[in-house]
Amino acid sequence: MTDDTGMTSRRAYLLGGLAGIVGTAGCLDFIRDEPAEFEAGYSRVDDGTLSETGYAFEEQREEVVEREYEAAGQSRDVIARNKVTNYTREIEFGEVGEIEGALFASLTSPQVRVLEQEFGMSSPGTRSQTTPER
């Protein structure tokens, strides 16, 4: 129902503006001065597989990689939070006994593409910082 005061037009503008704000909410971080951050999730080997192989969960930690991108006179800092999960297995060494002698790790890394450049854990020019977690 429309009245003569233009209530329908005002509602349409209000709804359009609200939709524009909501639609760009995730994109606005890119135009601010704050670094763009991307985070991977942890991977985990199921307990049955660990039991069959003799490996045991050891630790999870985060590897933080930072990089600055430049294009067209603009620069952008990017932070990627990679996740590492370590598993160990004890090995029998005769009279010495069992020692932790085998290790494997699972690495997950977010896919990051900024200013037409891809970026990951082993990209040249990265700085890495390790944060242990359990």
C-alpha atoms as a PDB file:
ATOM      1  CA  MET A   1       0.000   0.000   0.000  1.00  0.00           C
ATOM      2  CA  THR A   2       1.446   3.367  -1.026  1.00  0.00           C
ATOM      3  CA  ASP A   3       0.500   6.703   0.450  1.00  0.00           C
ATOM      4  CA  ASP A   4       1.068  10.147  -1.041  1.00  0.00           C
ATOM      5  CA  THR A   5       4.136  10.897   1.108  1.00  0.00           C
ATOM      6  CA  GLY A   6       6.495   8.637  -0.852  1.00  0.00           C
ATOM      7  CA  MET A   7       6.820   6.080   1.949  1.00  0.00           C
ATOM      8  CA  THR A   8       7.411   3.262  -0.571  1.00  0.00           C
ATOM      9  CA  SER A   9      10.334   5.125  -2.176  1.00  0.00           C
ATOM     10  CA  ARG A  10      11.997   5.775   1.174  1.00  0.00           C
ATOM     11  CA  ARG A  11      11.666   2.134   2.156  1.00  0.00           C
ATOM     12  CA  ALA A  12      13.155   1.030  -1.158  1.00  0.00           C
ATOM     13  CA  TYR A  13      16.165   3.339  -0.692  1.00  0.00           C
ATOM     14  CA  LEU A  14      16.607   2.223   2.901  1.00  0.00           C
ATOM     15  CA  LEU A  15      16.425  -1.472   1.970  1.00  0.00           C
ATOM     16  CA  GLY A  16      18.799  -0.934  -0.974  1.00  0.00           C
ATOM     17  CA  GLY A  17      21.347   0.837   1.229  1.00  0.00           C
ATOM     18  CA  LEU A  18      21.097  -1.828   3.896  1.00  0.00           C
ATOM     19  CA  ALA A  19      21.596  -4.574   1.295  1.00  0.00           C
ATOM     20  CA  GLY A  20      24.663  -2.750  -0.038  1.00  0.00           C
ATOM     21  CA  ILE A  21      26.219  -2.496   3.416  1.00  0.00           C
ATOM     22  CA  VAL A  22      25.548  -6.145   4.219  1.00  0.00           C
ATOM     23  CA  GLY A  23      26.756  -7.274   0.785  1.00  0.00           C
ATOM     24  CA  THR A  24      30.122  -5.523   1.112  1.00  0.00           C
ATOM     25  CA  ALA A  25      30.730  -6.240   4.809  1.00  0.00           C
ATOM     26  CA  GLY A  26      33.310  -8.962   4.129  1.00  0.00           C
ATOM     27  CA  CYS A  27      35.036  -6.908   1.435  1.00  0.00           C
ATOM     28  CA  LEU A  28      35.601  -3.733   3.421  1.00  0.00           C
ATOM     29  CA  ASP A  29      38.552  -5.195   5.378  1.00  0.00           C
ATOM     30  CA  PHE A  30      40.541  -5.058   2.169  1.00  0.00           C
ATOM     31  CA  ILE A  31      40.326  -1.270   1.827  1.00  0.00           C
ATOM     32  CA  ARG A  32      41.280  -0.519   5.422  1.00  0.00           C
ATOM     33  CA  ASP A  33      44.831  -0.254   6.752  1.00  0.00           C
ATOM     34  CA  GLU A  34      44.572  -3.501   8.712  1.00  0.00           C
ATOM     35  CA  PRO A  35      46.248  -6.646   7.322  1.00  0.00           C
ATOM     36  CA  ALA A  36      44.099  -9.165   5.495  1.00  0.00           C
ATOM     37  CA  GLU A  37      44.089 -12.395   7.534  1.00  0.00           C
ATOM     38  CA  PHE A  38      43.436 -15.931   6.307  1.00  0.00           C
ATOM     39  CA  GLU A  39      43.329 -19.022   8.517  1.00  0.00           C
ATOM     40  CA  ALA A  40      43.450 -22.748   7.798  1.00  0.00           C
ATOM     41  CA  GLY A  41      41.835 -25.410   9.965  1.00  0.00           C
ATOM     42  CA  TYR A  42      43.679 -28.223  11.707  1.00  0.00           C
ATOM     43  CA  SER A  43      43.803 -31.657  10.104  1.00  0.00           C
ATOM     44  CA  ARG A  44      43.633 -34.801  12.191  1.00  0.00           C
ATOM     45  CA  VAL A  45      44.334 -38.492  11.520  1.00  0.00           C
ATOM     46  CA  ASP A  46      41.561 -40.730  12.859  1.00  0.00           C
ATOM     47  CA  ASP A  47      42.279 -42.877  15.916  1.00  0.00           C
ATOM     48  CA  GLY A  48      41.879 -46.186  14.033  1.00  0.00           C
ATOM     49  CA  THR A  49      44.648 -45.286  11.582  1.00  0.00           C
ATOM     50  CA  LEU A  50      46.920 -44.143  14.400  1.00  0.00           C
ATOM     51  CA  SER A  51      46.302 -47.401  16.267  1.00  0.00           C
ATOM     52  CA  GLU A  52      47.147 -49.492  13.172  1.00  0.00           C
ATOM     53  CA  THR A  53      50.422 -47.637  12.524  1.00  0.00           C
ATOM     54  CA  GLY A  54      51.613 -47.157  16.091  1.00  0.00           C
ATOM     55  CA  TYR A  55      51.701 -43.364  15.786  1.00  0.00           C
ATOM     56  CA  ALA A  56      50.256 -41.081  18.458  1.00  0.00           C
ATOM     57  CA  PHE A  57      49.134 -37.464  18.395  1.00  0.00           C
ATOM     58  CA  GLU A  58      51.935 -35.208  19.676  1.00  0.00           C
ATOM     59  CA  GLU A  59      50.964 -31.545  19.213  1.00  0.00           C
ATOM     60  CA  GLN A  60      49.239 -28.930  17.113  1.00  0.00           C
ATOM     61  CA  ARG A  61      50.736 -25.540  16.415  1.00  0.00           C
ATOM     62  CA  GLU A  62      50.173 -22.510  14.263  1.00  0.00           C
ATOM     63  CA  GLU A  63      52.707 -21.202  11.736  1.00  0.00           C
ATOM     64  CA  VAL A  64      52.043 -17.524  11.013  1.00  0.00           C
ATOM     65  CA  VAL A  65      53.369 -16.212   7.700  1.00  0.00           C
ATOM     66  CA  GLU A  66      53.287 -12.498   6.870  1.00  0.00           C
ATOM     67  CA  ARG A  67      53.902 -10.882   3.506  1.00  0.00           C
ATOM     68  CA  GLU A  68      53.491  -7.449   1.967  1.00  0.00           C
ATOM     69  CA  TYR A  69      52.155  -7.148  -1.589  1.00  0.00           C
ATOM     70  CA  GLU A  70      52.587  -4.108  -3.799  1.00  0.00           C
ATOM     71  CA  ALA A  71      50.797  -3.144  -7.013  1.00  0.00           C
ATOM     72  CA  ALA A  72      49.974   0.169  -8.692  1.00  0.00           C
ATOM     73  CA  GLY A  73      51.588   2.160  -5.902  1.00  0.00           C
ATOM     74  CA  GLN A  74      49.483   0.466  -3.229  1.00  0.00           C
ATOM     75  CA  SER A  75      50.660  -2.059  -0.643  1.00  0.00           C
ATOM     76  CA  ARG A  76      48.776  -4.631   1.375  1.00  0.00           C
ATOM     77  CA  ASP A  77      49.944  -6.728   4.343  1.00  0.00           C
ATOM     78  CA  VAL A  78      48.662 -10.298   4.398  1.00  0.00           C
ATOM     79  CA  ILE A  79      48.786 -12.770   7.292  1.00  0.00           C
ATOM     80  CA  ALA A  80      48.248 -16.496   6.667  1.00  0.00           C
ATOM     81  CA  ARG A  81      47.709 -18.774   9.652  1.00  0.00           C
ATOM     82  CA  ASN A  82      48.858 -22.274   8.728  1.00  0.00           C
ATOM     83  CA  LYS A  83      48.221 -25.256  11.010  1.00  0.00           C
ATOM     84  CA  VAL A  84      50.652 -28.108  11.728  1.00  0.00           C
ATOM     85  CA  THR A  85      49.717 -31.346  13.480  1.00  0.00           C
ATOM     86  CA  ASN A  86      52.576 -33.651  14.582  1.00  0.00           C
ATOM     87  CA  TYR A  87      52.419 -37.388  15.252  1.00  0.00           C
ATOM     88  CA  THR A  88      55.212 -39.537  16.714  1.00  0.00           C
ATOM     89  CA  ARG A  89      55.978 -43.232  17.057  1.00  0.00           C
ATOM     90  CA  GLU A  90      58.311 -44.952  19.481  1.00  0.00           C
ATOM     91  CA  ILE A  91      60.913 -47.335  18.087  1.00  0.00           C
ATOM     92  CA  GLU A  92      62.518 -50.214  20.007  1.00  0.00           C
ATOM     93  CA  PHE A  93      66.322 -49.934  20.306  1.00  0.00           C
ATOM     94  CA  GLY A  94      67.259 -53.145  22.111  1.00  0.00           C
ATOM     95  CA  GLU A  95      68.829 -52.533  25.506  1.00  0.00           C
ATOM     96  CA  VAL A  96      68.373 -48.788  25.162  1.00  0.00           C
ATOM     97  CA  GLY A  97      64.614 -49.320  25.137  1.00  0.00           C
ATOM     98  CA  GLU A  98      61.970 -47.416  23.241  1.00  0.00           C
ATOM     99  CA  ILE A  99      62.656 -43.900  22.062  1.00  0.00           C
ATOM    100  CA  GLU A 100      60.626 -41.441  20.061  1.00  0.00           C
ATOM    101  CA  GLY A 101      62.154 -42.243  16.682  1.00  0.00           C
ATOM    102  CA  ALA A 102      59.587 -41.433  14.013  1.00  0.00           C
ATOM    103  CA  LEU A 103      57.639 -38.274  13.288  1.00  0.00           C
ATOM    104  CA  PHE A 104      55.235 -37.132  10.624  1.00  0.00           C
ATOM    105  CA  ALA A 105      53.416 -33.855  10.313  1.00  0.00           C
ATOM    106  CA  SER A 106      50.299 -32.677   8.540  1.00  0.00           C
ATOM    107  CA  LEU A 107      50.263 -29.077   7.272  1.00  0.00           C
ATOM    108  CA  THR A 108      47.166 -27.148   6.247  1.00  0.00           C
ATOM    109  CA  SER A 109      47.480 -23.737   4.654  1.00  0.00           C
ATOM    110  CA  PRO A 110      44.789 -21.298   3.482  1.00  0.00           C
ATOM    111  CA  GLN A 111      44.708 -20.451  -0.207  1.00  0.00           C
ATOM    112  CA  VAL A 112      45.531 -16.759  -0.484  1.00  0.00           C
ATOM    113  CA  ARG A 113      45.438 -14.662  -3.646  1.00  0.00           C
ATOM    114  CA  VAL A 114      46.010 -10.926  -3.319  1.00  0.00           C
ATOM    115  CA  LEU A 115      46.631  -8.426  -6.104  1.00  0.00           C
ATOM    116  CA  GLU A 116      46.909 -11.281  -8.636  1.00  0.00           C
ATOM    117  CA  GLN A 117      49.653 -12.975  -6.580  1.00  0.00           C
ATOM    118  CA  GLU A 118      49.398 -16.288  -4.761  1.00  0.00           C
ATOM    119  CA  PHE A 119      50.865 -16.657  -1.318  1.00  0.00           C
ATOM    120  CA  GLY A 120      51.556 -19.645   0.890  1.00  0.00           C
ATOM    121  CA  MET A 121      53.825 -21.153   3.487  1.00  0.00           C
ATOM    122  CA  SER A 122      56.843 -21.563   1.197  1.00  0.00           C
ATOM    123  CA  SER A 123      56.513 -18.399  -0.870  1.00  0.00           C
ATOM    124  CA  PRO A 124      59.708 -16.333  -1.242  1.00  0.00           C
ATOM    125  CA  GLY A 125      59.939 -13.236   0.909  1.00  0.00           C
ATOM    126  CA  THR A 126      57.821 -14.525   3.788  1.00  0.00           C
ATOM    127  CA  ARG A 127      58.339 -14.131   7.504  1.00  0.00           C
ATOM    128  CA  SER A 128      57.292 -17.028   9.712  1.00  0.00           C
ATOM    129  CA  GLN A 129      56.449 -17.175  13.410  1.00  0.00           C
ATOM    130  CA  THR A 130      55.534 -20.366  15.289  1.00  0.00           C
ATOM    131  CA  THR A 131      52.919 -20.469  18.039  1.00  0.00           C
ATOM    132  CA  PRO A 132      52.709 -23.825  19.891  1.00  0.00           C
ATOM    133  CA  GLU A 133      49.215 -25.066  20.746  1.00  0.00           C
ATOM    134  CA  ARG A 134      47.833 -28.229  22.363  1.00  0.00           C
END
